Amino acid sequence: MKILLALRPGKLLLKTNLLDDLAKDSLSRTPFTQLANLTGTPAMSVPMHVTPEGLPQGVMLGAAFGQEGLLLQLARQLEEAHPWQPRLDALWERLG
């Protein structure tokens, strides 16, 4: 451990740009998830569709700080208008 600490891996990682590359790669795939996590604002992913290939697709929704209840109300309304469970059951039957 002393050897590792003496090498100062943090400075080494900064010089190699490895952390920058990892962050850019992650942000390019999930930019909104990262934003919600970093800002502490509520967010949720809601399943909305199944592709012809059987892959689920969703949408990410966000709200102002402290508005978790608003997101939960929206999720309930979406589920009532377009239930996900029957589509999920059909997906499992196709896969199983």
PDB file of N, CA and C in Angstrom:
ATOM      1  N   MET A   1       0.813  -1.181   0.000  1.00  0.00           N
ATOM      2  CA  MET A   1       0.000   0.000   0.000  1.00  0.00           C
ATOM      3  C   MET A   1       0.864   1.255   0.000  1.00  0.00           C
ATOM      4  N   LYS A   2       1.974   1.208   0.744  1.00  0.00           N
ATOM      5  CA  LYS A   2       2.858   2.366   0.777  1.00  0.00           C
ATOM      6  C   LYS A   2       3.418   2.668  -0.601  1.00  0.00           C
ATOM      7  N   ILE A   3       3.748   1.615  -1.329  1.00  0.00           N
ATOM      8  CA  ILE A   3       4.289   1.799  -2.686  1.00  0.00           C
ATOM      9  C   ILE A   3       3.233   2.420  -3.583  1.00  0.00           C
ATOM     10  N   LEU A   4       2.013   1.917  -3.488  1.00  0.00           N
ATOM     11  CA  LEU A   4       0.927   2.450  -4.303  1.00  0.00           C
ATOM     12  C   LEU A   4       0.689   3.927  -3.992  1.00  0.00           C
ATOM     13  N   LEU A   5       0.652   4.271  -2.728  1.00  0.00           N
ATOM     14  CA  LEU A   5       0.449   5.665  -2.343  1.00  0.00           C
ATOM     15  C   LEU A   5       1.615   6.547  -2.780  1.00  0.00           C
ATOM     16  N   ALA A   6       2.815   6.000  -2.753  1.00  0.00           N
ATOM     17  CA  ALA A   6       3.983   6.771  -3.174  1.00  0.00           C
ATOM     18  C   ALA A   6       3.933   7.069  -4.671  1.00  0.00           C
ATOM     19  N   LEU A   7       3.301   6.213  -5.432  1.00  0.00           N
ATOM     20  CA  LEU A   7       3.197   6.426  -6.876  1.00  0.00           C
ATOM     21  C   LEU A   7       2.207   7.534  -7.235  1.00  0.00           C
ATOM     22  N   ARG A   8       1.397   7.926  -6.285  1.00  0.00           N
ATOM     23  CA  ARG A   8       0.378   8.957  -6.507  1.00  0.00           C
ATOM     24  C   ARG A   8      -0.450   8.654  -7.755  1.00  0.00           C
ATOM     25  N   PRO A   9      -1.263   7.602  -7.684  1.00  0.00           N
ATOM     26  CA  PRO A   9      -2.021   7.182  -8.870  1.00  0.00           C
ATOM     27  C   PRO A   9      -2.981   8.251  -9.376  1.00  0.00           C
ATOM     28  N   GLY A  10      -3.482   9.105  -8.499  1.00  0.00           N
ATOM     29  CA  GLY A  10      -4.395  10.160  -8.944  1.00  0.00           C
ATOM     30  C   GLY A  10      -3.739  11.075  -9.957  1.00  0.00           C
ATOM     31  N   LYS A  11      -2.533  11.509  -9.677  1.00  0.00           N
ATOM     32  CA  LYS A  11      -1.827  12.389 -10.606  1.00  0.00           C
ATOM     33  C   LYS A  11      -1.489  11.656 -11.902  1.00  0.00           C
ATOM     34  N   LEU A  12      -1.138  10.382 -11.777  1.00  0.00           N
ATOM     35  CA  LEU A  12      -0.838   9.579 -12.962  1.00  0.00           C
ATOM     36  C   LEU A  12      -2.074   9.453 -13.851  1.00  0.00           C
ATOM     37  N   LEU A  13      -3.212   9.171 -13.232  1.00  0.00           N
ATOM     38  CA  LEU A  13      -4.453   9.055 -14.002  1.00  0.00           C
ATOM     39  C   LEU A  13      -4.802  10.371 -14.682  1.00  0.00           C
ATOM     40  N   LEU A  14      -4.596  11.478 -14.010  1.00  0.00           N
ATOM     41  CA  LEU A  14      -4.880  12.777 -14.624  1.00  0.00           C
ATOM     42  C   LEU A  14      -3.992  13.029 -15.837  1.00  0.00           C
ATOM     43  N   LYS A  15      -2.742  12.636 -15.753  1.00  0.00           N
ATOM     44  CA  LYS A  15      -1.813  12.856 -16.867  1.00  0.00           C
ATOM     45  C   LYS A  15      -2.140  11.984 -18.068  1.00  0.00           C
ATOM     46  N   THR A  16      -2.709  10.806 -17.844  1.00  0.00           N
ATOM     47  CA  THR A  16      -3.012   9.898 -18.958  1.00  0.00           C
ATOM     48  C   THR A  16      -4.329  10.217 -19.641  1.00  0.00           C
ATOM     49  N   ASN A  17      -5.142  11.106 -19.062  1.00  0.00           N
ATOM     50  CA  ASN A  17      -6.475  11.439 -19.580  1.00  0.00           C
ATOM     51  C   ASN A  17      -7.443  10.263 -19.525  1.00  0.00           C
ATOM     52  N   LEU A  18      -7.094   9.209 -18.807  1.00  0.00           N
ATOM     53  CA  LEU A  18      -7.953   8.043 -18.699  1.00  0.00           C
ATOM     54  C   LEU A  18      -9.293   8.403 -18.062  1.00  0.00           C
ATOM     55  N   LEU A  19      -9.267   9.204 -17.002  1.00  0.00           N
ATOM     56  CA  LEU A  19     -10.518   9.583 -16.342  1.00  0.00           C
ATOM     57  C   LEU A  19     -11.393  10.440 -17.256  1.00  0.00           C
ATOM     58  N   ASP A  20     -10.776  11.341 -18.006  1.00  0.00           N
ATOM     59  CA  ASP A  20     -11.540  12.156 -18.953  1.00  0.00           C
ATOM     60  C   ASP A  20     -12.201  11.285 -20.005  1.00  0.00           C
ATOM     61  N   ASP A  21     -11.459  10.321 -20.522  1.00  0.00           N
ATOM     62  CA  ASP A  21     -12.005   9.415 -21.542  1.00  0.00           C
ATOM     63  C   ASP A  21     -13.149   8.588 -20.986  1.00  0.00           C
ATOM     64  N   LEU A  22     -13.009   8.091 -19.745  1.00  0.00           N
ATOM     65  CA  LEU A  22     -14.084   7.311 -19.128  1.00  0.00           C
ATOM     66  C   LEU A  22     -15.328   8.166 -18.923  1.00  0.00           C
ATOM     67  N   ALA A  23     -15.133   9.396 -18.464  1.00  0.00           N
ATOM     68  CA  ALA A  23     -16.268  10.288 -18.238  1.00  0.00           C
ATOM     69  C   ALA A  23     -16.973  10.617 -19.551  1.00  0.00           C
ATOM     70  N   LYS A  24     -16.225  10.932 -20.585  1.00  0.00           N
ATOM     71  CA  LYS A  24     -16.823  11.254 -21.881  1.00  0.00           C
ATOM     72  C   LYS A  24     -17.583  10.071 -22.440  1.00  0.00           C
ATOM     73  N   ASP A  25     -17.017   8.871 -22.298  1.00  0.00           N
ATOM     74  CA  ASP A  25     -17.673   7.668 -22.789  1.00  0.00           C
ATOM     75  C   ASP A  25     -18.985   7.434 -22.056  1.00  0.00           C
ATOM     76  N   SER A  26     -18.956   7.577 -20.745  1.00  0.00           N
ATOM     77  CA  SER A  26     -20.162   7.380 -19.945  1.00  0.00           C
ATOM     78  C   SER A  26     -21.214   8.433 -20.255  1.00  0.00           C
ATOM     79  N   LEU A  27     -20.792   9.690 -20.336  1.00  0.00           N
ATOM     80  CA  LEU A  27     -21.732  10.774 -20.611  1.00  0.00           C
ATOM     81  C   LEU A  27     -22.325  10.677 -22.011  1.00  0.00           C
ATOM     82  N   SER A  28     -21.596  10.117 -22.951  1.00  0.00           N
ATOM     83  CA  SER A  28     -22.127  10.011 -24.308  1.00  0.00           C
ATOM     84  C   SER A  28     -23.269   9.001 -24.383  1.00  0.00           C
ATOM     85  N   ARG A  29     -23.269   8.017 -23.500  1.00  0.00           N
ATOM     86  CA  ARG A  29     -24.320   6.989 -23.508  1.00  0.00           C
ATOM     87  C   ARG A  29     -25.485   7.317 -22.589  1.00  0.00           C
ATOM     88  N   THR A  30     -25.214   7.967 -21.479  1.00  0.00           N
ATOM     89  CA  THR A  30     -26.267   8.242 -20.497  1.00  0.00           C
ATOM     90  C   THR A  30     -26.131   9.653 -19.933  1.00  0.00           C
ATOM     91  N   PRO A  31     -26.242  10.665 -20.775  1.00  0.00           N
ATOM     92  CA  PRO A  31     -25.991  12.023 -20.288  1.00  0.00           C
ATOM     93  C   PRO A  31     -27.004  12.503 -19.254  1.00  0.00           C
ATOM     94  N   PHE A  32     -28.253  12.134 -19.395  1.00  0.00           N
ATOM     95  CA  PHE A  32     -29.268  12.664 -18.497  1.00  0.00           C
ATOM     96  C   PHE A  32     -29.246  11.973 -17.139  1.00  0.00           C
ATOM     97  N   THR A  33     -28.890  10.695 -17.124  1.00  0.00           N
ATOM     98  CA  THR A  33     -28.753   9.996 -15.855  1.00  0.00           C
ATOM     99  C   THR A  33     -27.666  10.653 -15.025  1.00  0.00           C
ATOM    100  N   GLN A  34     -26.540  10.937 -15.650  1.00  0.00           N
ATOM    101  CA  GLN A  34     -25.433  11.573 -14.945  1.00  0.00           C
ATOM    102  C   GLN A  34     -25.843  12.943 -14.418  1.00  0.00           C
ATOM    103  N   LEU A  35     -26.573  13.698 -15.217  1.00  0.00           N
ATOM    104  CA  LEU A  35     -26.985  15.041 -14.816  1.00  0.00           C
ATOM    105  C   LEU A  35     -27.876  14.981 -13.581  1.00  0.00           C
ATOM    106  N   ALA A  36     -28.831  14.069 -13.576  1.00  0.00           N
ATOM    107  CA  ALA A  36     -29.720  13.934 -12.416  1.00  0.00           C
ATOM    108  C   ALA A  36     -28.929  13.510 -11.184  1.00  0.00           C
ATOM    109  N   ASN A  37     -28.007  12.580 -11.356  1.00  0.00           N
ATOM    110  CA  ASN A  37     -27.202  12.129 -10.219  1.00  0.00           C
ATOM    111  C   ASN A  37     -26.339  13.250  -9.654  1.00  0.00           C
ATOM    112  N   LEU A  38     -25.720  14.019 -10.515  1.00  0.00           N
ATOM    113  CA  LEU A  38     -24.818  15.076 -10.065  1.00  0.00           C
ATOM    114  C   LEU A  38     -25.545  16.248  -9.420  1.00  0.00           C
ATOM    115  N   THR A  39     -26.753  16.548  -9.894  1.00  0.00           N
ATOM    116  CA  THR A  39     -27.482  17.696  -9.368  1.00  0.00           C
ATOM    117  C   THR A  39     -28.415  17.329  -8.222  1.00  0.00           C
ATOM    118  N   GLY A  40     -28.674  16.048  -8.024  1.00  0.00           N
ATOM    119  CA  GLY A  40     -29.562  15.607  -6.953  1.00  0.00           C
ATOM    120  C   GLY A  40     -31.031  15.822  -7.253  1.00  0.00           C
ATOM    121  N   THR A  41     -31.360  16.059  -8.521  1.00  0.00           N
ATOM    122  CA  THR A  41     -32.762  16.240  -8.883  1.00  0.00           C
ATOM    123  C   THR A  41     -33.409  14.871  -9.121  1.00  0.00           C
ATOM    124  N   PRO A  42     -34.702  14.754  -8.857  1.00  0.00           N
ATOM    125  CA  PRO A  42     -35.369  13.470  -9.053  1.00  0.00           C
ATOM    126  C   PRO A  42     -35.529  13.147 -10.535  1.00  0.00           C
ATOM    127  N   ALA A  43     -35.389  11.886 -10.845  1.00  0.00           N
ATOM    128  CA  ALA A  43     -35.555  11.423 -12.217  1.00  0.00           C
ATOM    129  C   ALA A  43     -35.984   9.966 -12.177  1.00  0.00           C
ATOM    130  N   MET A  44     -36.612   9.521 -13.248  1.00  0.00           N
ATOM    131  CA  MET A  44     -37.008   8.122 -13.344  1.00  0.00           C
ATOM    132  C   MET A  44     -37.042   7.705 -14.800  1.00  0.00           C
ATOM    133  N   SER A  45     -36.855   6.429 -15.002  1.00  0.00           N
ATOM    134  CA  SER A  45     -36.966   5.844 -16.328  1.00  0.00           C
ATOM    135  C   SER A  45     -38.251   5.036 -16.359  1.00  0.00           C
ATOM    136  N   VAL A  46     -39.062   5.271 -17.386  1.00  0.00           N
ATOM    137  CA  VAL A  46     -40.358   4.627 -17.485  1.00  0.00           C
ATOM    138  C   VAL A  46     -40.406   3.813 -18.781  1.00  0.00           C
ATOM    139  N   PRO A  47     -40.736   2.509 -18.693  1.00  0.00           N
ATOM    140  CA  PRO A  47     -40.860   1.715 -19.920  1.00  0.00           C
ATOM    141  C   PRO A  47     -42.060   2.194 -20.732  1.00  0.00           C
ATOM    142  N   MET A  48     -41.862   2.362 -22.029  1.00  0.00           N
ATOM    143  CA  MET A  48     -42.931   2.910 -22.860  1.00  0.00           C
ATOM    144  C   MET A  48     -43.243   2.084 -24.108  1.00  0.00           C
ATOM    145  N   HIS A  49     -42.304   1.236 -24.531  1.00  0.00           N
ATOM    146  CA  HIS A  49     -42.477   0.597 -25.835  1.00  0.00           C
ATOM    147  C   HIS A  49     -41.632  -0.671 -25.884  1.00  0.00           C
ATOM    148  N   VAL A  50     -42.004  -1.574 -26.758  1.00  0.00           N
ATOM    149  CA  VAL A  50     -41.180  -2.742 -27.065  1.00  0.00           C
ATOM    150  C   VAL A  50     -40.933  -2.722 -28.568  1.00  0.00           C
ATOM    151  N   THR A  51     -39.676  -2.809 -28.966  1.00  0.00           N
ATOM    152  CA  THR A  51     -39.335  -2.780 -30.389  1.00  0.00           C
ATOM    153  C   THR A  51     -39.802  -4.062 -31.068  1.00  0.00           C
ATOM    154  N   PRO A  52     -39.855  -4.082 -32.399  1.00  0.00           N
ATOM    155  CA  PRO A  52     -40.204  -5.322 -33.106  1.00  0.00           C
ATOM    156  C   PRO A  52     -39.266  -6.487 -32.768  1.00  0.00           C
ATOM    157  N   GLU A  53     -38.054  -6.162 -32.356  1.00  0.00           N
ATOM    158  CA  GLU A  53     -37.092  -7.194 -31.972  1.00  0.00           C
ATOM    159  C   GLU A  53     -37.313  -7.661 -30.535  1.00  0.00           C
ATOM    160  N   GLY A  54     -38.255  -7.042 -29.836  1.00  0.00           N
ATOM    161  CA  GLY A  54     -38.561  -7.436 -28.473  1.00  0.00           C
ATOM    162  C   GLY A  54     -37.772  -6.708 -27.403  1.00  0.00           C
ATOM    163  N   LEU A  55     -37.079  -5.655 -27.775  1.00  0.00           N
ATOM    164  CA  LEU A  55     -36.290  -4.912 -26.790  1.00  0.00           C
ATOM    165  C   LEU A  55     -37.132  -3.809 -26.160  1.00  0.00           C
ATOM    166  N   PRO A  56     -37.088  -3.686 -24.838  1.00  0.00           N
ATOM    167  CA  PRO A  56     -37.849  -2.614 -24.200  1.00  0.00           C
ATOM    168  C   PRO A  56     -37.186  -1.257 -24.427  1.00  0.00           C
ATOM    169  N   GLN A  57     -38.011  -0.255 -24.608  1.00  0.00           N
ATOM    170  CA  GLN A  57     -37.521   1.113 -24.730  1.00  0.00           C
ATOM    171  C   GLN A  57     -38.237   1.961 -23.692  1.00  0.00           C
ATOM    172  N   GLY A  58     -37.506   2.895 -23.132  1.00  0.00           N
ATOM    173  CA  GLY A  58     -38.100   3.746 -22.118  1.00  0.00           C
ATOM    174  C   GLY A  58     -37.780   5.193 -22.361  1.00  0.00           C
ATOM    175  N   VAL A  59     -38.306   6.015 -21.486  1.00  0.00           N
ATOM    176  CA  VAL A  59     -38.042   7.436 -21.530  1.00  0.00           C
ATOM    177  C   VAL A  59     -37.630   7.854 -20.123  1.00  0.00           C
ATOM    178  N   MET A  60     -36.678   8.759 -20.057  1.00  0.00           N
ATOM    179  CA  MET A  60     -36.256   9.265 -18.757  1.00  0.00           C
ATOM    180  C   MET A  60     -36.931  10.601 -18.522  1.00  0.00           C
ATOM    181  N   LEU A  61     -37.516  10.728 -17.344  1.00  0.00           N
ATOM    182  CA  LEU A  61     -38.222  11.944 -16.974  1.00  0.00           C
ATOM    183  C   LEU A  61     -37.540  12.566 -15.764  1.00  0.00           C
ATOM    184  N   GLY A  62     -37.491  13.867 -15.731  1.00  0.00           N
ATOM    185  CA  GLY A  62     -36.889  14.564 -14.609  1.00  0.00           C
ATOM    186  C   GLY A  62     -37.815  15.649 -14.103  1.00  0.00           C
ATOM    187  N   ALA A  63     -37.596  16.056 -12.874  1.00  0.00           N
ATOM    188  CA  ALA A  63     -38.415  17.103 -12.269  1.00  0.00           C
ATOM    189  C   ALA A  63     -37.514  18.025 -11.447  1.00  0.00           C
ATOM    190  N   ALA A  64     -38.096  19.084 -10.988  1.00  0.00           N
ATOM    191  CA  ALA A  64     -37.363  20.034 -10.146  1.00  0.00           C
ATOM    192  C   ALA A  64     -37.024  19.396  -8.804  1.00  0.00           C
ATOM    193  N   PHE A  65     -36.030  19.935  -8.151  1.00  0.00           N
ATOM    194  CA  PHE A  65     -35.601  19.438  -6.854  1.00  0.00           C
ATOM    195  C   PHE A  65     -36.796  19.361  -5.900  1.00  0.00           C
ATOM    196  N   GLY A  66     -36.961  18.216  -5.265  1.00  0.00           N
ATOM    197  CA  GLY A  66     -38.042  18.030  -4.303  1.00  0.00           C
ATOM    198  C   GLY A  66     -39.381  17.640  -4.894  1.00  0.00           C
ATOM    199  N   GLN A  67     -39.435  17.410  -6.203  1.00  0.00           N
ATOM    200  CA  GLN A  67     -40.699  17.099  -6.858  1.00  0.00           C
ATOM    201  C   GLN A  67     -40.846  15.615  -7.210  1.00  0.00           C
ATOM    202  N   GLU A  68     -40.376  14.741  -6.327  1.00  0.00           N
ATOM    203  CA  GLU A  68     -40.501  13.307  -6.558  1.00  0.00           C
ATOM    204  C   GLU A  68     -41.962  12.896  -6.727  1.00  0.00           C
ATOM    205  N   GLY A  69     -42.837  13.517  -5.941  1.00  0.00           N
ATOM    206  CA  GLY A  69     -44.262  13.197  -6.011  1.00  0.00           C
ATOM    207  C   GLY A  69     -44.839  13.448  -7.388  1.00  0.00           C
ATOM    208  N   LEU A  70     -44.399  14.499  -8.031  1.00  0.00           N
ATOM    209  CA  LEU A  70     -44.860  14.807  -9.380  1.00  0.00           C
ATOM    210  C   LEU A  70     -44.474  13.692 -10.347  1.00  0.00           C
ATOM    211  N   LEU A  71     -43.259  13.201 -10.229  1.00  0.00           N
ATOM    212  CA  LEU A  71     -42.816  12.107 -11.091  1.00  0.00           C
ATOM    213  C   LEU A  71     -43.619  10.838 -10.834  1.00  0.00           C
ATOM    214  N   LEU A  72     -43.880  10.543  -9.579  1.00  0.00           N
ATOM    215  CA  LEU A  72     -44.650   9.348  -9.252  1.00  0.00           C
ATOM    216  C   LEU A  72     -46.087   9.450  -9.762  1.00  0.00           C
ATOM    217  N   GLN A  73     -46.671  10.635  -9.687  1.00  0.00           N
ATOM    218  CA  GLN A  73     -48.016  10.835 -10.242  1.00  0.00           C
ATOM    219  C   GLN A  73     -48.018  10.610 -11.750  1.00  0.00           C
ATOM    220  N   LEU A  74     -46.997  11.126 -12.416  1.00  0.00           N
ATOM    221  CA  LEU A  74     -46.892  10.952 -13.861  1.00  0.00           C
ATOM    222  C   LEU A  74     -46.723   9.481 -14.217  1.00  0.00           C
ATOM    223  N   ALA A  75     -45.881   8.784 -13.483  1.00  0.00           N
ATOM    224  CA  ALA A  75     -45.676   7.355 -13.738  1.00  0.00           C
ATOM    225  C   ALA A  75     -46.983   6.589 -13.576  1.00  0.00           C
ATOM    226  N   ARG A  76     -47.746   6.929 -12.562  1.00  0.00           N
ATOM    227  CA  ARG A  76     -49.041   6.267 -12.351  1.00  0.00           C
ATOM    228  C   ARG A  76     -49.987   6.536 -13.518  1.00  0.00           C
ATOM    229  N   GLN A  77     -50.050   7.781 -13.961  1.00  0.00           N
ATOM    230  CA  GLN A  77     -50.918   8.133 -15.081  1.00  0.00           C
ATOM    231  C   GLN A  77     -50.508   7.406 -16.355  1.00  0.00           C
ATOM    232  N   LEU A  78     -49.208   7.328 -16.599  1.00  0.00           N
ATOM    233  CA  LEU A  78     -48.728   6.619 -17.789  1.00  0.00           C
ATOM    234  C   LEU A  78     -49.055   5.132 -17.715  1.00  0.00           C
ATOM    235  N   GLU A  79     -48.893   4.537 -16.548  1.00  0.00           N
ATOM    236  CA  GLU A  79     -49.185   3.119 -16.382  1.00  0.00           C
ATOM    237  C   GLU A  79     -50.674   2.845 -16.562  1.00  0.00           C
ATOM    238  N   GLU A  80     -51.515   3.722 -16.048  1.00  0.00           N
ATOM    239  CA  GLU A  80     -52.960   3.552 -16.218  1.00  0.00           C
ATOM    240  C   GLU A  80     -53.370   3.702 -17.683  1.00  0.00           C
ATOM    241  N   ALA A  81     -52.765   4.638 -18.390  1.00  0.00           N
ATOM    242  CA  ALA A  81     -53.112   4.890 -19.786  1.00  0.00           C
ATOM    243  C   ALA A  81     -52.560   3.822 -20.723  1.00  0.00           C
ATOM    244  N   HIS A  82     -51.418   3.270 -20.359  1.00  0.00           N
ATOM    245  CA  HIS A  82     -50.748   2.323 -21.265  1.00  0.00           C
ATOM    246  C   HIS A  82     -49.999   1.300 -20.411  1.00  0.00           C
ATOM    247  N   PRO A  83     -50.710   0.319 -19.850  1.00  0.00           N
ATOM    248  CA  PRO A  83     -50.087  -0.627 -18.906  1.00  0.00           C
ATOM    249  C   PRO A  83     -48.869  -1.337 -19.488  1.00  0.00           C
ATOM    250  N   TRP A  84     -47.854  -1.425 -18.668  1.00  0.00           N
ATOM    251  CA  TRP A  84     -46.608  -2.053 -19.088  1.00  0.00           C
ATOM    252  C   TRP A  84     -46.620  -3.568 -18.870  1.00  0.00           C
ATOM    253  N   GLN A  85     -47.278  -4.046 -17.843  1.00  0.00           N
ATOM    254  CA  GLN A  85     -47.209  -5.456 -17.476  1.00  0.00           C
ATOM    255  C   GLN A  85     -47.634  -6.402 -18.605  1.00  0.00           C
ATOM    256  N   PRO A  86     -48.736  -6.158 -19.326  1.00  0.00           N
ATOM    257  CA  PRO A  86     -49.075  -7.072 -20.428  1.00  0.00           C
ATOM    258  C   PRO A  86     -47.991  -7.137 -21.507  1.00  0.00           C
ATOM    259  N   ARG A  87     -47.362  -5.998 -21.771  1.00  0.00           N
ATOM    260  CA  ARG A  87     -46.282  -5.996 -22.773  1.00  0.00           C
ATOM    261  C   ARG A  87     -45.071  -6.745 -22.252  1.00  0.00           C
ATOM    262  N   LEU A  88     -44.809  -6.620 -20.957  1.00  0.00           N
ATOM    263  CA  LEU A  88     -43.697  -7.346 -20.356  1.00  0.00           C
ATOM    264  C   LEU A  88     -43.957  -8.851 -20.373  1.00  0.00           C
ATOM    265  N   ASP A  89     -45.180  -9.238 -20.048  1.00  0.00           N
ATOM    266  CA  ASP A  89     -45.539 -10.659 -20.099  1.00  0.00           C
ATOM    267  C   ASP A  89     -45.368 -11.226 -21.503  1.00  0.00           C
ATOM    268  N   ALA A  90     -45.807 -10.478 -22.512  1.00  0.00           N
ATOM    269  CA  ALA A  90     -45.660 -10.925 -23.897  1.00  0.00           C
ATOM    270  C   ALA A  90     -44.183 -11.038 -24.275  1.00  0.00           C
ATOM    271  N   LEU A  91     -43.374 -10.119 -23.800  1.00  0.00           N
ATOM    272  CA  LEU A  91     -41.941 -10.170 -24.071  1.00  0.00           C
ATOM    273  C   LEU A  91     -41.333 -11.431 -23.472  1.00  0.00           C
ATOM    274  N   TRP A  92     -41.683 -11.738 -22.215  1.00  0.00           N
ATOM    275  CA  TRP A  92     -41.139 -12.937 -21.562  1.00  0.00           C
ATOM    276  C   TRP A  92     -41.588 -14.214 -22.278  1.00  0.00           C
ATOM    277  N   GLU A  93     -42.825 -14.221 -22.776  1.00  0.00           N
ATOM    278  CA  GLU A  93     -43.309 -15.405 -23.519  1.00  0.00           C
ATOM    279  C   GLU A  93     -42.507 -15.597 -24.800  1.00  0.00           C
ATOM    280  N   ARG A  94     -42.210 -14.513 -25.493  1.00  0.00           N
ATOM    281  CA  ARG A  94     -41.428 -14.598 -26.724  1.00  0.00           C
ATOM    282  C   ARG A  94     -40.013 -15.060 -26.450  1.00  0.00           C
ATOM    283  N   LEU A  95     -39.449 -14.639 -25.315  1.00  0.00           N
ATOM    284  CA  LEU A  95     -38.075 -15.007 -24.993  1.00  0.00           C
ATOM    285  C   LEU A  95     -37.967 -16.399 -24.391  1.00  0.00           C
ATOM    286  N   GLY A  96     -39.049 -16.826 -23.745  1.00  0.00           N
ATOM    287  CA  GLY A  96     -38.957 -18.011 -22.947  1.00  0.00           C
ATOM    288  C   GLY A  96     -39.229 -19.302 -23.557  1.00  0.00           C
TER     289      GLY A  96
END
